[in-house]
Amino acid sequence: MPELDNDSIATCMQALKHTIRHFDMLCQSQTVDPDDYAEAREMYLTELAHLIRIYREEEKQGRTTTPLAMLLKDSPVQVP
C-alpha cells in the first residue's frame, strides 16, 4: 500500500464535514429535488466514512498526530 499523508486525510475529512453542512444549508430551498439532495448527501457521507476508516487504521498504527475523536467533533457521520 502506498504511504498515506495523514495530514491530507485529516484536511479532507474536515473539508467534507464543512461541505456537508454547507450543502445541507443550501438545499433547504423549496426548489431542490429531495431525491437529488439525498443522493448527493449520501455520496458525501460515504466518502467521509471511508476517510474515517482509513484514518482510524493509521491512528491504531500510531502514525497520526491529531486524534480522530477531535476530527470527528460535530461530524455528520459516525463510523463504528
PDB file of N, CA and C in Angstrom:
ATOM      1  N   MET A   1       0.846  -1.176   0.000  1.00  0.00           N
ATOM      2  CA  MET A   1       0.000   0.000   0.000  1.00  0.00           C
ATOM      3  C   MET A   1       0.894   1.242   0.000  1.00  0.00           C
ATOM      4  N   PRO A   2       0.538   2.261  -0.789  1.00  0.00           N
ATOM      5  CA  PRO A   2       1.353   3.477  -0.811  1.00  0.00           C
ATOM      6  C   PRO A   2       1.312   4.187   0.536  1.00  0.00           C
ATOM      7  N   GLU A   3       2.351   4.955   0.806  1.00  0.00           N
ATOM      8  CA  GLU A   3       2.399   5.709   2.058  1.00  0.00           C
ATOM      9  C   GLU A   3       1.316   6.782   2.047  1.00  0.00           C
ATOM     10  N   LEU A   4       0.591   6.882   3.139  1.00  0.00           N
ATOM     11  CA  LEU A   4      -0.503   7.842   3.240  1.00  0.00           C
ATOM     12  C   LEU A   4      -0.027   9.128   3.897  1.00  0.00           C
ATOM     13  N   ASP A   5      -0.587  10.220   3.466  1.00  0.00           N
ATOM     14  CA  ASP A   5      -0.330  11.509   4.103  1.00  0.00           C
ATOM     15  C   ASP A   5      -1.508  11.782   5.035  1.00  0.00           C
ATOM     16  N   ASN A   6      -1.323  11.479   6.306  1.00  0.00           N
ATOM     17  CA  ASN A   6      -2.416  11.578   7.267  1.00  0.00           C
ATOM     18  C   ASN A   6      -2.903  13.002   7.468  1.00  0.00           C
ATOM     19  N   ASP A   7      -2.018  13.977   7.307  1.00  0.00           N
ATOM     20  CA  ASP A   7      -2.466  15.364   7.412  1.00  0.00           C
ATOM     21  C   ASP A   7      -3.421  15.713   6.271  1.00  0.00           C
ATOM     22  N   SER A   8      -3.157  15.182   5.093  1.00  0.00           N
ATOM     23  CA  SER A   8      -4.055  15.415   3.957  1.00  0.00           C
ATOM     24  C   SER A   8      -5.395  14.724   4.179  1.00  0.00           C
ATOM     25  N   ILE A   9      -5.366  13.538   4.730  1.00  0.00           N
ATOM     26  CA  ILE A   9      -6.617  12.830   5.032  1.00  0.00           C
ATOM     27  C   ILE A   9      -7.426  13.620   6.043  1.00  0.00           C
ATOM     28  N   ALA A  10      -6.778  14.124   7.076  1.00  0.00           N
ATOM     29  CA  ALA A  10      -7.465  14.921   8.093  1.00  0.00           C
ATOM     30  C   ALA A  10      -8.068  16.180   7.469  1.00  0.00           C
ATOM     31  N   THR A  11      -7.309  16.820   6.599  1.00  0.00           N
ATOM     32  CA  THR A  11      -7.805  18.023   5.926  1.00  0.00           C
ATOM     33  C   THR A  11      -9.013  17.696   5.058  1.00  0.00           C
ATOM     34  N   CYS A  12      -8.950  16.588   4.343  1.00  0.00           N
ATOM     35  CA  CYS A  12     -10.077  16.170   3.507  1.00  0.00           C
ATOM     36  C   CYS A  12     -11.313  15.868   4.351  1.00  0.00           C
ATOM     37  N   MET A  13     -11.127  15.237   5.493  1.00  0.00           N
ATOM     38  CA  MET A  13     -12.264  14.953   6.370  1.00  0.00           C
ATOM     39  C   MET A  13     -12.904  16.253   6.848  1.00  0.00           C
ATOM     40  N   GLN A  14     -12.078  17.207   7.249  1.00  0.00           N
ATOM     41  CA  GLN A  14     -12.611  18.484   7.711  1.00  0.00           C
ATOM     42  C   GLN A  14     -13.321  19.218   6.575  1.00  0.00           C
ATOM     43  N   ALA A  15     -12.770  19.162   5.379  1.00  0.00           N
ATOM     44  CA  ALA A  15     -13.398  19.818   4.229  1.00  0.00           C
ATOM     45  C   ALA A  15     -14.739  19.160   3.897  1.00  0.00           C
ATOM     46  N   LEU A  16     -14.796  17.842   3.950  1.00  0.00           N
ATOM     47  CA  LEU A  16     -16.061  17.152   3.677  1.00  0.00           C
ATOM     48  C   LEU A  16     -17.109  17.478   4.734  1.00  0.00           C
ATOM     49  N   LYS A  17     -16.704  17.556   5.999  1.00  0.00           N
ATOM     50  CA  LYS A  17     -17.655  17.934   7.056  1.00  0.00           C
ATOM     51  C   LYS A  17     -18.230  19.317   6.766  1.00  0.00           C
ATOM     52  N   HIS A  18     -17.364  20.252   6.407  1.00  0.00           N
ATOM     53  CA  HIS A  18     -17.806  21.613   6.097  1.00  0.00           C
ATOM     54  C   HIS A  18     -18.710  21.609   4.863  1.00  0.00           C
ATOM     55  N   THR A  19     -18.349  20.845   3.854  1.00  0.00           N
ATOM     56  CA  THR A  19     -19.133  20.763   2.624  1.00  0.00           C
ATOM     57  C   THR A  19     -20.527  20.224   2.901  1.00  0.00           C
ATOM     58  N   ILE A  20     -20.623  19.195   3.724  1.00  0.00           N
ATOM     59  CA  ILE A  20     -21.931  18.604   4.046  1.00  0.00           C
ATOM     60  C   ILE A  20     -22.809  19.619   4.766  1.00  0.00           C
ATOM     61  N   ARG A  21     -22.236  20.338   5.736  1.00  0.00           N
ATOM     62  CA  ARG A  21     -23.020  21.357   6.447  1.00  0.00           C
ATOM     63  C   ARG A  21     -23.501  22.447   5.475  1.00  0.00           C
ATOM     64  N   HIS A  22     -22.604  22.907   4.613  1.00  0.00           N
ATOM     65  CA  HIS A  22     -22.953  23.951   3.648  1.00  0.00           C
ATOM     66  C   HIS A  22     -24.000  23.432   2.656  1.00  0.00           C
ATOM     67  N   PHE A  23     -23.824  22.221   2.184  1.00  0.00           N
ATOM     68  CA  PHE A  23     -24.771  21.596   1.263  1.00  0.00           C
ATOM     69  C   PHE A  23     -26.150  21.492   1.900  1.00  0.00           C
ATOM     70  N   ASP A  24     -26.200  21.074   3.164  1.00  0.00           N
ATOM     71  CA  ASP A  24     -27.480  20.973   3.874  1.00  0.00           C
ATOM     72  C   ASP A  24     -28.183  22.326   3.936  1.00  0.00           C
ATOM     73  N   MET A  25     -27.404  23.380   4.205  1.00  0.00           N
ATOM     74  CA  MET A  25     -27.985  24.711   4.283  1.00  0.00           C
ATOM     75  C   MET A  25     -28.524  25.142   2.915  1.00  0.00           C
ATOM     76  N   LEU A  26     -27.742  24.939   1.863  1.00  0.00           N
ATOM     77  CA  LEU A  26     -28.165  25.350   0.526  1.00  0.00           C
ATOM     78  C   LEU A  26     -29.392  24.585   0.046  1.00  0.00           C
ATOM     79  N   CYS A  27     -29.523  23.356   0.475  1.00  0.00           N
ATOM     80  CA  CYS A  27     -30.601  22.501  -0.026  1.00  0.00           C
ATOM     81  C   CYS A  27     -31.907  22.643   0.748  1.00  0.00           C
ATOM     82  N   GLN A  28     -31.997  23.653   1.580  1.00  0.00           N
ATOM     83  CA  GLN A  28     -33.245  23.891   2.295  1.00  0.00           C
ATOM     84  C   GLN A  28     -34.272  24.605   1.418  1.00  0.00           C
ATOM     85  N   SER A  29     -33.861  24.999   0.230  1.00  0.00           N
ATOM     86  CA  SER A  29     -34.751  25.677  -0.712  1.00  0.00           C
ATOM     87  C   SER A  29     -35.864  24.734  -1.173  1.00  0.00           C
ATOM     88  N   GLN A  30     -37.002  25.304  -1.469  1.00  0.00           N
ATOM     89  CA  GLN A  30     -38.142  24.521  -1.954  1.00  0.00           C
ATOM     90  C   GLN A  30     -37.908  24.014  -3.376  1.00  0.00           C
ATOM     91  N   THR A  31     -36.908  24.552  -4.059  1.00  0.00           N
ATOM     92  CA  THR A  31     -36.666  24.173  -5.452  1.00  0.00           C
ATOM     93  C   THR A  31     -35.766  22.946  -5.591  1.00  0.00           C
ATOM     94  N   VAL A  32     -35.256  22.439  -4.482  1.00  0.00           N
ATOM     95  CA  VAL A  32     -34.335  21.298  -4.514  1.00  0.00           C
ATOM     96  C   VAL A  32     -35.126  19.994  -4.576  1.00  0.00           C
ATOM     97  N   ASP A  33     -34.737  19.137  -5.502  1.00  0.00           N
ATOM     98  CA  ASP A  33     -35.363  17.825  -5.621  1.00  0.00           C
ATOM     99  C   ASP A  33     -34.888  16.957  -4.450  1.00  0.00           C
ATOM    100  N   PRO A  34     -35.802  16.445  -3.632  1.00  0.00           N
ATOM    101  CA  PRO A  34     -35.405  15.657  -2.458  1.00  0.00           C
ATOM    102  C   PRO A  34     -34.563  14.426  -2.793  1.00  0.00           C
ATOM    103  N   ASP A  35     -34.855  13.787  -3.917  1.00  0.00           N
ATOM    104  CA  ASP A  35     -34.083  12.606  -4.300  1.00  0.00           C
ATOM    105  C   ASP A  35     -32.651  12.984  -4.678  1.00  0.00           C
ATOM    106  N   ASP A  36     -32.496  14.082  -5.407  1.00  0.00           N
ATOM    107  CA  ASP A  36     -31.158  14.543  -5.770  1.00  0.00           C
ATOM    108  C   ASP A  36     -30.369  14.927  -4.525  1.00  0.00           C
ATOM    109  N   TYR A  37     -31.038  15.603  -3.605  1.00  0.00           N
ATOM    110  CA  TYR A  37     -30.390  16.003  -2.351  1.00  0.00           C
ATOM    111  C   TYR A  37     -29.916  14.771  -1.590  1.00  0.00           C
ATOM    112  N   ALA A  38     -30.791  13.794  -1.430  1.00  0.00           N
ATOM    113  CA  ALA A  38     -30.455  12.590  -0.668  1.00  0.00           C
ATOM    114  C   ALA A  38     -29.298  11.832  -1.311  1.00  0.00           C
ATOM    115  N   GLU A  39     -29.317  11.738  -2.633  1.00  0.00           N
ATOM    116  CA  GLU A  39     -28.260  11.022  -3.332  1.00  0.00           C
ATOM    117  C   GLU A  39     -26.904  11.723  -3.175  1.00  0.00           C
ATOM    118  N   ALA A  40     -26.892  13.030  -3.337  1.00  0.00           N
ATOM    119  CA  ALA A  40     -25.641  13.782  -3.211  1.00  0.00           C
ATOM    120  C   ALA A  40     -25.127  13.749  -1.781  1.00  0.00           C
ATOM    121  N   ARG A  41     -26.016  13.900  -0.816  1.00  0.00           N
ATOM    122  CA  ARG A  41     -25.597  13.887   0.592  1.00  0.00           C
ATOM    123  C   ARG A  41     -25.024  12.522   0.963  1.00  0.00           C
ATOM    124  N   GLU A  42     -25.642  11.471   0.484  1.00  0.00           N
ATOM    125  CA  GLU A  42     -25.162  10.111   0.752  1.00  0.00           C
ATOM    126  C   GLU A  42     -23.769   9.908   0.162  1.00  0.00           C
ATOM    127  N   MET A  43     -23.536  10.476  -1.005  1.00  0.00           N
ATOM    128  CA  MET A  43     -22.222  10.380  -1.634  1.00  0.00           C
ATOM    129  C   MET A  43     -21.160  11.037  -0.741  1.00  0.00           C
ATOM    130  N   TYR A  44     -21.450  12.232  -0.237  1.00  0.00           N
ATOM    131  CA  TYR A  44     -20.513  12.919   0.655  1.00  0.00           C
ATOM    132  C   TYR A  44     -20.279  12.121   1.938  1.00  0.00           C
ATOM    133  N   LEU A  45     -21.355  11.630   2.521  1.00  0.00           N
ATOM    134  CA  LEU A  45     -21.236  10.886   3.779  1.00  0.00           C
ATOM    135  C   LEU A  45     -20.463   9.585   3.596  1.00  0.00           C
ATOM    136  N   THR A  46     -20.675   8.911   2.478  1.00  0.00           N
ATOM    137  CA  THR A  46     -19.964   7.663   2.203  1.00  0.00           C
ATOM    138  C   THR A  46     -18.463   7.911   2.094  1.00  0.00           C
ATOM    139  N   GLU A  47     -18.093   8.966   1.389  1.00  0.00           N
ATOM    140  CA  GLU A  47     -16.667   9.276   1.243  1.00  0.00           C
ATOM    141  C   GLU A  47     -16.056   9.690   2.577  1.00  0.00           C
ATOM    142  N   LEU A  48     -16.789  10.449   3.372  1.00  0.00           N
ATOM    143  CA  LEU A  48     -16.298  10.829   4.698  1.00  0.00           C
ATOM    144  C   LEU A  48     -16.096   9.590   5.564  1.00  0.00           C
ATOM    145  N   ALA A  49     -17.035   8.675   5.537  1.00  0.00           N
ATOM    146  CA  ALA A  49     -16.909   7.435   6.309  1.00  0.00           C
ATOM    147  C   ALA A  49     -15.689   6.632   5.857  1.00  0.00           C
ATOM    148  N   HIS A  50     -15.437   6.607   4.562  1.00  0.00           N
ATOM    149  CA  HIS A  50     -14.270   5.901   4.022  1.00  0.00           C
ATOM    150  C   HIS A  50     -12.970   6.519   4.558  1.00  0.00           C
ATOM    151  N   LEU A  51     -12.880   7.831   4.532  1.00  0.00           N
ATOM    152  CA  LEU A  51     -11.689   8.506   5.052  1.00  0.00           C
ATOM    153  C   LEU A  51     -11.520   8.272   6.554  1.00  0.00           C
ATOM    154  N   ILE A  52     -12.621   8.228   7.265  1.00  0.00           N
ATOM    155  CA  ILE A  52     -12.569   7.981   8.709  1.00  0.00           C
ATOM    156  C   ILE A  52     -12.001   6.592   8.978  1.00  0.00           C
ATOM    157  N   ARG A  53     -12.434   5.602   8.206  1.00  0.00           N
ATOM    158  CA  ARG A  53     -11.917   4.241   8.390  1.00  0.00           C
ATOM    159  C   ARG A  53     -10.408   4.183   8.124  1.00  0.00           C
ATOM    160  N   ILE A  54      -9.972   4.845   7.067  1.00  0.00           N
ATOM    161  CA  ILE A  54      -8.535   4.875   6.752  1.00  0.00           C
ATOM    162  C   ILE A  54      -7.766   5.543   7.889  1.00  0.00           C
ATOM    163  N   TYR A  55      -8.258   6.675   8.342  1.00  0.00           N
ATOM    164  CA  TYR A  55      -7.567   7.421   9.393  1.00  0.00           C
ATOM    165  C   TYR A  55      -7.536   6.616  10.692  1.00  0.00           C
ATOM    166  N   ARG A  56      -8.628   5.922  10.987  1.00  0.00           N
ATOM    167  CA  ARG A  56      -8.691   5.110  12.204  1.00  0.00           C
ATOM    168  C   ARG A  56      -7.605   4.033  12.192  1.00  0.00           C
ATOM    169  N   GLU A  57      -7.417   3.389  11.040  1.00  0.00           N
ATOM    170  CA  GLU A  57      -6.367   2.371  10.924  1.00  0.00           C
ATOM    171  C   GLU A  57      -4.989   2.993  11.132  1.00  0.00           C
ATOM    172  N   GLU A  58      -4.771   4.137  10.530  1.00  0.00           N
ATOM    173  CA  GLU A  58      -3.493   4.828  10.700  1.00  0.00           C
ATOM    174  C   GLU A  58      -3.272   5.217  12.162  1.00  0.00           C
ATOM    175  N   GLU A  59      -4.346   5.631  12.824  1.00  0.00           N
ATOM    176  CA  GLU A  59      -4.252   6.008  14.235  1.00  0.00           C
ATOM    177  C   GLU A  59      -3.889   4.797  15.098  1.00  0.00           C
ATOM    178  N   LYS A  60      -4.465   3.658  14.784  1.00  0.00           N
ATOM    179  CA  LYS A  60      -4.141   2.427  15.523  1.00  0.00           C
ATOM    180  C   LYS A  60      -2.663   2.078  15.389  1.00  0.00           C
ATOM    181  N   GLN A  61      -2.076   2.414  14.236  1.00  0.00           N
ATOM    182  CA  GLN A  61      -0.664   2.132  13.993  1.00  0.00           C
ATOM    183  C   GLN A  61       0.246   3.218  14.573  1.00  0.00           C
ATOM    184  N   GLY A  62      -0.366   4.253  15.167  1.00  0.00           N
ATOM    185  CA  GLY A  62       0.421   5.322  15.777  1.00  0.00           C
ATOM    186  C   GLY A  62       1.035   6.284  14.775  1.00  0.00           C
ATOM    187  N   ARG A  63       0.444   6.404  13.601  1.00  0.00           N
ATOM    188  CA  ARG A  63       1.016   7.251  12.558  1.00  0.00           C
ATOM    189  C   ARG A  63       0.273   8.565  12.361  1.00  0.00           C
ATOM    190  N   THR A  64      -0.540   8.967  13.329  1.00  0.00           N
ATOM    191  CA  THR A  64      -1.277  10.224  13.204  1.00  0.00           C
ATOM    192  C   THR A  64      -0.881  11.170  14.330  1.00  0.00           C
ATOM    193  N   THR A  65      -1.093  12.446  14.092  1.00  0.00           N
ATOM    194  CA  THR A  65      -0.769  13.442  15.115  1.00  0.00           C
ATOM    195  C   THR A  65      -2.008  14.019  15.777  1.00  0.00           C
ATOM    196  N   THR A  66      -3.135  13.994  15.076  1.00  0.00           N
ATOM    197  CA  THR A  66      -4.383  14.528  15.609  1.00  0.00           C
ATOM    198  C   THR A  66      -5.325  13.372  15.907  1.00  0.00           C
ATOM    199  N   PRO A  67      -5.853  13.294  17.132  1.00  0.00           N
ATOM    200  CA  PRO A  67      -6.779  12.205  17.452  1.00  0.00           C
ATOM    201  C   PRO A  67      -8.039  12.254  16.580  1.00  0.00           C
ATOM    202  N   LEU A  68      -8.491  11.095  16.157  1.00  0.00           N
ATOM    203  CA  LEU A  68      -9.678  11.006  15.317  1.00  0.00           C
ATOM    204  C   LEU A  68     -10.888  11.624  16.018  1.00  0.00           C
ATOM    205  N   ALA A  69     -10.996  11.427  17.313  1.00  0.00           N
ATOM    206  CA  ALA A  69     -12.134  11.982  18.055  1.00  0.00           C
ATOM    207  C   ALA A  69     -12.195  13.504  17.909  1.00  0.00           C
ATOM    208  N   MET A  70     -11.036  14.132  17.855  1.00  0.00           N
ATOM    209  CA  MET A  70     -11.012  15.586  17.687  1.00  0.00           C
ATOM    210  C   MET A  70     -11.480  15.973  16.279  1.00  0.00           C
ATOM    211  N   LEU A  71     -11.088  15.195  15.286  1.00  0.00           N
ATOM    212  CA  LEU A  71     -11.510  15.473  13.916  1.00  0.00           C
ATOM    213  C   LEU A  71     -12.996  15.205  13.700  1.00  0.00           C
ATOM    214  N   LEU A  72     -13.558  14.285  14.481  1.00  0.00           N
ATOM    215  CA  LEU A  72     -14.957  13.920  14.315  1.00  0.00           C
ATOM    216  C   LEU A  72     -15.908  14.786  15.130  1.00  0.00           C
ATOM    217  N   LYS A  73     -15.359  15.707  15.896  1.00  0.00           N
ATOM    218  CA  LYS A  73     -16.223  16.583  16.698  1.00  0.00           C
ATOM    219  C   LYS A  73     -17.214  17.276  15.759  1.00  0.00           C
ATOM    220  N   ASP A  74     -18.480  17.206  16.116  1.00  0.00           N
ATOM    221  CA  ASP A  74     -19.576  17.792  15.309  1.00  0.00           C
ATOM    222  C   ASP A  74     -19.659  17.182  13.915  1.00  0.00           C
ATOM    223  N   SER A  75     -19.277  15.939  13.771  1.00  0.00           N
ATOM    224  CA  SER A  75     -19.321  15.275  12.469  1.00  0.00           C
ATOM    225  C   SER A  75     -20.734  14.824  12.137  1.00  0.00           C
ATOM    226  N   PRO A  76     -21.122  14.937  10.858  1.00  0.00           N
ATOM    227  CA  PRO A  76     -22.449  14.456  10.451  1.00  0.00           C
ATOM    228  C   PRO A  76     -22.507  12.938  10.301  1.00  0.00           C
ATOM    229  N   VAL A  77     -21.384  12.257  10.484  1.00  0.00           N
ATOM    230  CA  VAL A  77     -21.363  10.802  10.340  1.00  0.00           C
ATOM    231  C   VAL A  77     -20.531  10.216  11.472  1.00  0.00           C
ATOM    232  N   GLN A  78     -20.952   9.083  11.967  1.00  0.00           N
ATOM    233  CA  GLN A  78     -20.201   8.341  12.970  1.00  0.00           C
ATOM    234  C   GLN A  78     -19.968   6.941  12.439  1.00  0.00           C
ATOM    235  N   VAL A  79     -18.736   6.516  12.446  1.00  0.00           N
ATOM    236  CA  VAL A  79     -18.387   5.185  11.945  1.00  0.00           C
ATOM    237  C   VAL A  79     -17.982   4.321  13.127  1.00  0.00           C
ATOM    238  N   PRO A  80     -18.610   3.152  13.283  1.00  0.00           N
ATOM    239  CA  PRO A  80     -18.247   2.290  14.424  1.00  0.00           C
ATOM    240  C   PRO A  80     -16.829   1.775  14.320  1.00  0.00           C
TER     241      PRO A  80
END
